[in-house]
Structures are given as structure tokens and as C-alpha cells.
Amino acid sequence: DNGRVRQMWHLLEPLHAVVYYAPQVFEELGS
């Protein structure tokens, strides 16, 4: 069902998106 497909996006997007906000990633890129 499309509703399930969209739910999986809602669940997985935050797990991916931490790469753009986490201070640990900023530290690695800053180095």
C-alpha cells in the first residue's frame, strides 16, 4: 500500500538525515 511506502520514508528519512546535522559529522568534515 502507498501508505506503507510513505510510512517507511517517514521512518527512514530521519535516520539518514543525521549526517547533515550531527556535530560528530561536522567535526570529521571540519578536520
PDB file of all heavy atoms in Angstrom:
ATOM      1  N   ASP A   1       0.831  -1.196   0.000  1.00  0.00           N
ATOM      2  CA  ASP A   1       0.000   0.000   0.000  1.00  0.00           C
ATOM      3  C   ASP A   1       0.873   1.256   0.000  1.00  0.00           C
ATOM      4  O   ASP A   1       1.929   1.304   0.645  1.00  0.00           O
ATOM      5  CB  ASP A   1      -0.899  -0.017   1.239  1.00  0.00           C
ATOM      6  CG  ASP A   1      -1.793   1.200   1.306  1.00  0.00           C
ATOM      7  OD1 ASP A   1      -2.820   1.210   0.612  1.00  0.00           O
ATOM      8  OD2 ASP A   1      -1.448   2.144   2.043  1.00  0.00           O
ATOM      9  N   ASN A   2       0.430   2.294  -0.725  1.00  0.00           N
ATOM     10  CA  ASN A   2       1.183   3.543  -0.764  1.00  0.00           C
ATOM     11  C   ASN A   2       1.374   4.150   0.616  1.00  0.00           C
ATOM     12  O   ASN A   2       2.377   4.810   0.887  1.00  0.00           O
ATOM     13  CB  ASN A   2       0.489   4.559  -1.681  1.00  0.00           C
ATOM     14  CG  ASN A   2       0.887   4.399  -3.137  1.00  0.00           C
ATOM     15  OD1 ASN A   2       1.631   3.491  -3.488  1.00  0.00           O
ATOM     16  ND2 ASN A   2       0.388   5.288  -3.980  1.00  0.00           N
ATOM     17  N   GLY A   3       0.400   3.932   1.481  1.00  0.00           N
ATOM     18  CA  GLY A   3       0.544   4.447   2.837  1.00  0.00           C
ATOM     19  C   GLY A   3       1.725   3.824   3.557  1.00  0.00           C
ATOM     20  O   GLY A   3       2.441   4.504   4.304  1.00  0.00           O
ATOM     21  N   ARG A   4       1.954   2.548   3.345  1.00  0.00           N
ATOM     22  CA  ARG A   4       3.100   1.869   3.945  1.00  0.00           C
ATOM     23  C   ARG A   4       4.399   2.390   3.336  1.00  0.00           C
ATOM     24  O   ARG A   4       5.389   2.600   4.045  1.00  0.00           O
ATOM     25  CB  ARG A   4       3.000   0.362   3.748  1.00  0.00           C
ATOM     26  CG  ARG A   4       4.204  -0.414   4.229  1.00  0.00           C
ATOM     27  CD  ARG A   4       4.335  -0.383   5.747  1.00  0.00           C
ATOM     28  NE  ARG A   4       3.477  -1.366   6.371  1.00  0.00           N
ATOM     29  CZ  ARG A   4       3.366  -1.524   7.690  1.00  0.00           C
ATOM     30  NH1 ARG A   4       4.047  -0.744   8.508  1.00  0.00           N
ATOM     31  NH2 ARG A   4       2.556  -2.456   8.198  1.00  0.00           N
ATOM     32  N   VAL A   5       4.398   2.598   2.019  1.00  0.00           N
ATOM     33  CA  VAL A   5       5.592   3.131   1.352  1.00  0.00           C
ATOM     34  C   VAL A   5       5.965   4.483   1.942  1.00  0.00           C
ATOM     35  O   VAL A   5       7.128   4.745   2.247  1.00  0.00           O
ATOM     36  CB  VAL A   5       5.347   3.257  -0.168  1.00  0.00           C
ATOM     37  CG1 VAL A   5       6.535   3.939  -0.848  1.00  0.00           C
ATOM     38  CG2 VAL A   5       5.119   1.885  -0.790  1.00  0.00           C
ATOM     39  N   ARG A   6       4.976   5.331   2.128  1.00  0.00           N
ATOM     40  CA  ARG A   6       5.261   6.661   2.685  1.00  0.00           C
ATOM     41  C   ARG A   6       5.678   6.563   4.147  1.00  0.00           C
ATOM     42  O   ARG A   6       6.547   7.319   4.612  1.00  0.00           O
ATOM     43  CB  ARG A   6       4.043   7.574   2.530  1.00  0.00           C
ATOM     44  CG  ARG A   6       4.409   9.046   2.708  1.00  0.00           C
ATOM     45  CD  ARG A   6       3.277   9.980   2.354  1.00  0.00           C
ATOM     46  NE  ARG A   6       2.815   9.814   0.987  1.00  0.00           N
ATOM     47  CZ  ARG A   6       1.970  10.649   0.378  1.00  0.00           C
ATOM     48  NH1 ARG A   6       1.491  11.699   1.049  1.00  0.00           N
ATOM     49  NH2 ARG A   6       1.581  10.427  -0.861  1.00  0.00           N
ATOM     50  N   GLN A   7       5.081   5.636   4.890  1.00  0.00           N
ATOM     51  CA  GLN A   7       5.490   5.446   6.280  1.00  0.00           C
ATOM     52  C   GLN A   7       6.965   5.070   6.363  1.00  0.00           C
ATOM     53  O   GLN A   7       7.695   5.566   7.240  1.00  0.00           O
ATOM     54  CB  GLN A   7       4.648   4.351   6.941  1.00  0.00           C
ATOM     55  CG  GLN A   7       5.059   4.092   8.393  1.00  0.00           C
ATOM     56  CD  GLN A   7       4.591   2.745   8.921  1.00  0.00           C
ATOM     57  OE1 GLN A   7       4.400   1.795   8.154  1.00  0.00           O
ATOM     58  NE2 GLN A   7       4.404   2.657  10.238  1.00  0.00           N
ATOM     59  N   MET A   8       7.424   4.210   5.464  1.00  0.00           N
ATOM     60  CA  MET A   8       8.821   3.801   5.506  1.00  0.00           C
ATOM     61  C   MET A   8       9.747   4.987   5.234  1.00  0.00           C
ATOM     62  O   MET A   8      10.830   5.093   5.818  1.00  0.00           O
ATOM     63  CB  MET A   8       9.081   2.669   4.513  1.00  0.00           C
ATOM     64  CG  MET A   8       8.276   1.391   4.781  1.00  0.00           C
ATOM     65  SD  MET A   8       8.336   0.821   6.513  1.00  0.00           S
ATOM     66  CE  MET A   8      10.076   0.377   6.656  1.00  0.00           C
ATOM     67  N   TRP A   9       9.323   5.876   4.353  1.00  0.00           N
ATOM     68  CA  TRP A   9      10.089   7.114   4.130  1.00  0.00           C
ATOM     69  C   TRP A   9      10.139   7.943   5.406  1.00  0.00           C
ATOM     70  O   TRP A   9      11.210   8.405   5.815  1.00  0.00           O
ATOM     71  CB  TRP A   9       9.455   7.908   2.990  1.00  0.00           C
ATOM     72  CG  TRP A   9       9.987   9.299   2.837  1.00  0.00           C
ATOM     73  CD1 TRP A   9      11.302   9.695   2.818  1.00  0.00           C
ATOM     74  CD2 TRP A   9       9.222  10.497   2.696  1.00  0.00           C
ATOM     75  NE1 TRP A   9      11.390  11.059   2.665  1.00  0.00           N
ATOM     76  CE2 TRP A   9      10.127  11.573   2.581  1.00  0.00           C
ATOM     77  CE3 TRP A   9       7.850  10.756   2.633  1.00  0.00           C
ATOM     78  CZ2 TRP A   9       9.704  12.904   2.414  1.00  0.00           C
ATOM     79  CZ3 TRP A   9       7.429  12.074   2.458  1.00  0.00           C
ATOM     80  CH2 TRP A   9       8.351  13.123   2.359  1.00  0.00           C
ATOM     81  N   HIS A  10       8.993   8.127   6.049  1.00  0.00           N
ATOM     82  CA  HIS A  10       8.946   8.917   7.277  1.00  0.00           C
ATOM     83  C   HIS A  10       9.836   8.317   8.373  1.00  0.00           C
ATOM     84  O   HIS A  10      10.425   9.059   9.170  1.00  0.00           O
ATOM     85  CB  HIS A  10       7.508   9.025   7.782  1.00  0.00           C
ATOM     86  CG  HIS A  10       6.651   9.932   6.951  1.00  0.00           C
ATOM     87  ND1 HIS A  10       5.340  10.216   7.274  1.00  0.00           N
ATOM     88  CD2 HIS A  10       6.899  10.623   5.819  1.00  0.00           C
ATOM     89  CE1 HIS A  10       4.830  11.046   6.375  1.00  0.00           C
ATOM     90  NE2 HIS A  10       5.754  11.301   5.482  1.00  0.00           N
ATOM     91  N   LEU A  11       9.935   7.001   8.414  1.00  0.00           N
ATOM     92  CA  LEU A  11      10.767   6.351   9.424  1.00  0.00           C
ATOM     93  C   LEU A  11      12.252   6.412   9.087  1.00  0.00           C
ATOM     94  O   LEU A  11      13.096   6.594   9.976  1.00  0.00           O
ATOM     95  CB  LEU A  11      10.342   4.882   9.576  1.00  0.00           C
ATOM     96  CG  LEU A  11       9.026   4.614  10.295  1.00  0.00           C
ATOM     97  CD1 LEU A  11       8.635   3.153  10.138  1.00  0.00           C
ATOM     98  CD2 LEU A  11       9.118   4.996  11.771  1.00  0.00           C
ATOM     99  N   LEU A  12      12.575   6.251   7.810  1.00  0.00           N
ATOM    100  CA  LEU A  12      13.981   6.149   7.416  1.00  0.00           C
ATOM    101  C   LEU A  12      14.645   7.501   7.175  1.00  0.00           C
ATOM    102  O   LEU A  12      15.855   7.639   7.379  1.00  0.00           O
ATOM    103  CB  LEU A  12      14.111   5.294   6.155  1.00  0.00           C
ATOM    104  CG  LEU A  12      13.887   3.793   6.363  1.00  0.00           C
ATOM    105  CD1 LEU A  12      13.714   3.092   5.024  1.00  0.00           C
ATOM    106  CD2 LEU A  12      15.045   3.180   7.145  1.00  0.00           C
ATOM    107  N   GLU A  13      13.875   8.495   6.746  1.00  0.00           N
ATOM    108  CA  GLU A  13      14.473   9.796   6.434  1.00  0.00           C
ATOM    109  C   GLU A  13      15.244  10.382   7.617  1.00  0.00           C
ATOM    110  O   GLU A  13      16.394  10.825   7.458  1.00  0.00           O
ATOM    111  CB  GLU A  13      13.394  10.773   5.958  1.00  0.00           C
ATOM    112  CG  GLU A  13      13.921  12.166   5.620  1.00  0.00           C
ATOM    113  CD  GLU A  13      14.800  12.200   4.380  1.00  0.00           C
ATOM    114  OE1 GLU A  13      14.598  11.368   3.473  1.00  0.00           O
ATOM    115  OE2 GLU A  13      15.709  13.048   4.321  1.00  0.00           O
ATOM    116  N   PRO A  14      14.682  10.403   8.839  1.00  0.00           N
ATOM    117  CA  PRO A  14      15.455  10.946   9.960  1.00  0.00           C
ATOM    118  C   PRO A  14      16.727  10.149  10.248  1.00  0.00           C
ATOM    119  O   PRO A  14      17.740  10.732  10.664  1.00  0.00           O
ATOM    120  CB  PRO A  14      14.477  10.876  11.140  1.00  0.00           C
ATOM    121  CG  PRO A  14      13.122  10.872  10.499  1.00  0.00           C
ATOM    122  CD  PRO A  14      13.294  10.080   9.243  1.00  0.00           C
ATOM    123  N   LEU A  15      16.676   8.825  10.059  1.00  0.00           N
ATOM    124  CA  LEU A  15      17.862   8.009  10.318  1.00  0.00           C
ATOM    125  C   LEU A  15      18.986   8.357   9.354  1.00  0.00           C
ATOM    126  O   LEU A  15      20.163   8.326   9.725  1.00  0.00           O
ATOM    127  CB  LEU A  15      17.522   6.519  10.194  1.00  0.00           C
ATOM    128  CG  LEU A  15      16.357   5.988  11.018  1.00  0.00           C
ATOM    129  CD1 LEU A  15      16.348   4.462  10.975  1.00  0.00           C
ATOM    130  CD2 LEU A  15      16.419   6.489  12.455  1.00  0.00           C
ATOM    131  N   HIS A  16      18.626   8.689   8.123  1.00  0.00           N
ATOM    132  CA  HIS A  16      19.620   9.144   7.150  1.00  0.00           C
ATOM    133  C   HIS A  16      20.074  10.559   7.441  1.00  0.00           C
ATOM    134  O   HIS A  16      21.276  10.876   7.386  1.00  0.00           O
ATOM    135  CB  HIS A  16      19.035   9.082   5.740  1.00  0.00           C
ATOM    136  CG  HIS A  16      19.711   9.999   4.779  1.00  0.00           C
ATOM    137  ND1 HIS A  16      20.939   9.721   4.202  1.00  0.00           N
ATOM    138  CD2 HIS A  16      19.354  11.228   4.301  1.00  0.00           C
ATOM    139  CE1 HIS A  16      21.301  10.722   3.426  1.00  0.00           C
ATOM    140  NE2 HIS A  16      20.365  11.644   3.468  1.00  0.00           N
ATOM    141  N   ALA A  17      19.131  11.458   7.735  1.00  0.00           N
ATOM    142  CA  ALA A  17      19.399  12.896   7.741  1.00  0.00           C
ATOM    143  C   ALA A  17      20.337  13.355   8.846  1.00  0.00           C
ATOM    144  O   ALA A  17      20.870  14.476   8.767  1.00  0.00           O
ATOM    145  CB  ALA A  17      18.080  13.667   7.834  1.00  0.00           C
ATOM    146  N   VAL A  18      20.587  12.521   9.855  1.00  0.00           N
ATOM    147  CA  VAL A  18      21.517  12.944  10.907  1.00  0.00           C
ATOM    148  C   VAL A  18      22.891  13.290  10.333  1.00  0.00           C
ATOM    149  O   VAL A  18      23.625  14.084  10.921  1.00  0.00           O
ATOM    150  CB  VAL A  18      21.667  11.867  12.000  1.00  0.00           C
ATOM    151  CG1 VAL A  18      20.374  11.681  12.762  1.00  0.00           C
ATOM    152  CG2 VAL A  18      22.152  10.546  11.421  1.00  0.00           C
ATOM    153  N   VAL A  19      23.225  12.740   9.167  1.00  0.00           N
ATOM    154  CA  VAL A  19      24.537  13.008   8.580  1.00  0.00           C
ATOM    155  C   VAL A  19      24.724  14.489   8.290  1.00  0.00           C
ATOM    156  O   VAL A  19      25.860  14.979   8.278  1.00  0.00           O
ATOM    157  CB  VAL A  19      24.735  12.175   7.288  1.00  0.00           C
ATOM    158  CG1 VAL A  19      23.814  12.655   6.171  1.00  0.00           C
ATOM    159  CG2 VAL A  19      26.182  12.198   6.824  1.00  0.00           C
ATOM    160  N   TYR A  20      23.646  15.232   8.091  1.00  0.00           N
ATOM    161  CA  TYR A  20      23.741  16.646   7.745  1.00  0.00           C
ATOM    162  C   TYR A  20      23.638  17.566   8.956  1.00  0.00           C
ATOM    163  O   TYR A  20      23.748  18.787   8.811  1.00  0.00           O
ATOM    164  CB  TYR A  20      22.657  17.010   6.731  1.00  0.00           C
ATOM    165  CG  TYR A  20      22.716  16.167   5.487  1.00  0.00           C
ATOM    166  CD1 TYR A  20      21.613  15.424   5.064  1.00  0.00           C
ATOM    167  CD2 TYR A  20      23.888  16.075   4.741  1.00  0.00           C
ATOM    168  CE1 TYR A  20      21.677  14.634   3.933  1.00  0.00           C
ATOM    169  CE2 TYR A  20      23.951  15.275   3.609  1.00  0.00           C
ATOM    170  CZ  TYR A  20      22.848  14.559   3.212  1.00  0.00           C
ATOM    171  OH  TYR A  20      22.919  13.767   2.088  1.00  0.00           O
ATOM    172  N   TYR A  21      23.440  16.994  10.147  1.00  0.00           N
ATOM    173  CA  TYR A  21      23.240  17.820  11.337  1.00  0.00           C
ATOM    174  C   TYR A  21      24.095  17.414  12.540  1.00  0.00           C
ATOM    175  O   TYR A  21      24.269  18.203  13.459  1.00  0.00           O
ATOM    176  CB  TYR A  21      21.760  17.769  11.757  1.00  0.00           C
ATOM    177  CG  TYR A  21      20.818  18.344  10.735  1.00  0.00           C
ATOM    178  CD1 TYR A  21      20.168  17.512   9.814  1.00  0.00           C
ATOM    179  CD2 TYR A  21      20.578  19.711  10.667  1.00  0.00           C
ATOM    180  CE1 TYR A  21      19.302  18.037   8.867  1.00  0.00           C
ATOM    181  CE2 TYR A  21      19.715  20.246   9.723  1.00  0.00           C
ATOM    182  CZ  TYR A  21      19.084  19.407   8.821  1.00  0.00           C
ATOM    183  OH  TYR A  21      18.241  19.924   7.876  1.00  0.00           O
ATOM    184  N   ALA A  22      24.592  16.203  12.559  1.00  0.00           N
ATOM    185  CA  ALA A  22      25.293  15.709  13.741  1.00  0.00           C
ATOM    186  C   ALA A  22      26.633  16.425  13.936  1.00  0.00           C
ATOM    187  O   ALA A  22      27.416  16.547  12.984  1.00  0.00           O
ATOM    188  CB  ALA A  22      25.522  14.210  13.638  1.00  0.00           C
ATOM    189  N   PRO A  23      26.936  16.880  15.151  1.00  0.00           N
ATOM    190  CA  PRO A  23      28.218  17.550  15.389  1.00  0.00           C
ATOM    191  C   PRO A  23      29.411  16.655  15.097  1.00  0.00           C
ATOM    192  O   PRO A  23      30.477  17.142  14.697  1.00  0.00           O
ATOM    193  CB  PRO A  23      28.146  17.950  16.871  1.00  0.00           C
ATOM    194  CG  PRO A  23      27.078  17.080  17.467  1.00  0.00           C
ATOM    195  CD  PRO A  23      26.105  16.835  16.372  1.00  0.00           C
ATOM    196  N   GLN A  24      29.246  15.350  15.273  1.00  0.00           N
ATOM    197  CA  GLN A  24      30.357  14.433  15.004  1.00  0.00           C
ATOM    198  C   GLN A  24      30.727  14.436  13.518  1.00  0.00           C
ATOM    199  O   GLN A  24      31.899  14.331  13.156  1.00  0.00           O
ATOM    200  CB  GLN A  24      29.986  13.019  15.442  1.00  0.00           C
ATOM    201  CG  GLN A  24      29.760  12.850  16.934  1.00  0.00           C
ATOM    202  CD  GLN A  24      28.346  13.205  17.376  1.00  0.00           C
ATOM    203  OE1 GLN A  24      27.523  13.687  16.581  1.00  0.00           O
ATOM    204  NE2 GLN A  24      28.026  12.954  18.644  1.00  0.00           N
ATOM    205  N   VAL A  25      29.706  14.562  12.654  1.00  0.00           N
ATOM    206  CA  VAL A  25      29.981  14.631  11.215  1.00  0.00           C
ATOM    207  C   VAL A  25      30.626  15.972  10.869  1.00  0.00           C
ATOM    208  O   VAL A  25      31.572  16.038  10.077  1.00  0.00           O
ATOM    209  CB  VAL A  25      28.690  14.410  10.397  1.00  0.00           C
ATOM    210  CG1 VAL A  25      28.985  14.483   8.897  1.00  0.00           C
ATOM    211  CG2 VAL A  25      28.063  13.065  10.748  1.00  0.00           C
ATOM    212  N   PHE A  26      30.135  17.037  11.463  1.00  0.00           N
ATOM    213  CA  PHE A  26      30.763  18.348  11.248  1.00  0.00           C
ATOM    214  C   PHE A  26      32.238  18.313  11.658  1.00  0.00           C
ATOM    215  O   PHE A  26      33.097  18.888  10.981  1.00  0.00           O
ATOM    216  CB  PHE A  26      30.040  19.428  12.051  1.00  0.00           C
ATOM    217  CG  PHE A  26      28.720  19.861  11.464  1.00  0.00           C
ATOM    218  CD1 PHE A  26      27.635  20.087  12.284  1.00  0.00           C
ATOM    219  CD2 PHE A  26      28.566  20.047  10.095  1.00  0.00           C
ATOM    220  CE1 PHE A  26      26.410  20.487  11.756  1.00  0.00           C
ATOM    221  CE2 PHE A  26      27.350  20.452   9.554  1.00  0.00           C
ATOM    222  CZ  PHE A  26      26.270  20.673  10.398  1.00  0.00           C
ATOM    223  N   GLU A  27      32.527  17.646  12.765  1.00  0.00           N
ATOM    224  CA  GLU A  27      33.923  17.559  13.220  1.00  0.00           C
ATOM    225  C   GLU A  27      34.785  16.826  12.197  1.00  0.00           C
ATOM    226  O   GLU A  27      35.916  17.237  11.905  1.00  0.00           O
ATOM    227  CB  GLU A  27      33.987  16.852  14.577  1.00  0.00           C
ATOM    228  CG  GLU A  27      33.448  17.683  15.732  1.00  0.00           C
ATOM    229  CD  GLU A  27      33.337  16.874  17.018  1.00  0.00           C
ATOM    230  OE1 GLU A  27      33.800  15.707  17.034  1.00  0.00           O
ATOM    231  OE2 GLU A  27      32.778  17.404  17.997  1.00  0.00           O
ATOM    232  N   GLU A  28      34.255  15.738  11.657  1.00  0.00           N
ATOM    233  CA  GLU A  28      35.009  14.978  10.668  1.00  0.00           C
ATOM    234  C   GLU A  28      35.246  15.805   9.401  1.00  0.00           C
ATOM    235  O   GLU A  28      36.351  15.801   8.841  1.00  0.00           O
ATOM    236  CB  GLU A  28      34.272  13.684  10.314  1.00  0.00           C
ATOM    237  CG  GLU A  28      34.179  12.675  11.442  1.00  0.00           C
ATOM    238  CD  GLU A  28      35.517  12.025  11.785  1.00  0.00           C
ATOM    239  OE1 GLU A  28      36.479  12.141  10.994  1.00  0.00           O
ATOM    240  OE2 GLU A  28      35.589  11.394  12.862  1.00  0.00           O
ATOM    241  N   LEU A  29      34.223  16.513   8.949  1.00  0.00           N
ATOM    242  CA  LEU A  29      34.381  17.339   7.743  1.00  0.00           C
ATOM    243  C   LEU A  29      35.239  18.563   8.029  1.00  0.00           C
ATOM    244  O   LEU A  29      36.025  18.986   7.174  1.00  0.00           O
ATOM    245  CB  LEU A  29      33.011  17.758   7.206  1.00  0.00           C
ATOM    246  CG  LEU A  29      32.364  16.826   6.180  1.00  0.00           C
ATOM    247  CD1 LEU A  29      33.093  16.894   4.849  1.00  0.00           C
ATOM    248  CD2 LEU A  29      32.304  15.392   6.670  1.00  0.00           C
ATOM    249  N   GLY A  30      35.118  19.105   9.231  1.00  0.00           N
ATOM    250  CA  GLY A  30      35.965  20.231   9.606  1.00  0.00           C
ATOM    251  C   GLY A  30      37.431  19.852   9.628  1.00  0.00           C
ATOM    252  O   GLY A  30      38.298  20.650   9.244  1.00  0.00           O
ATOM    253  N   SER A  31      37.724  18.633  10.050  1.00  0.00           N
ATOM    254  CA  SER A  31      39.117  18.176  10.089  1.00  0.00           C
ATOM    255  C   SER A  31      39.702  18.047   8.683  1.00  0.00           C
ATOM    256  O   SER A  31      40.931  18.079   8.519  1.00  0.00           O
ATOM    257  CB  SER A  31      39.221  16.838  10.819  1.00  0.00           C
ATOM    258  OG  SER A  31      38.649  15.784  10.047  1.00  0.00           O
TER     259      SER A  31
END
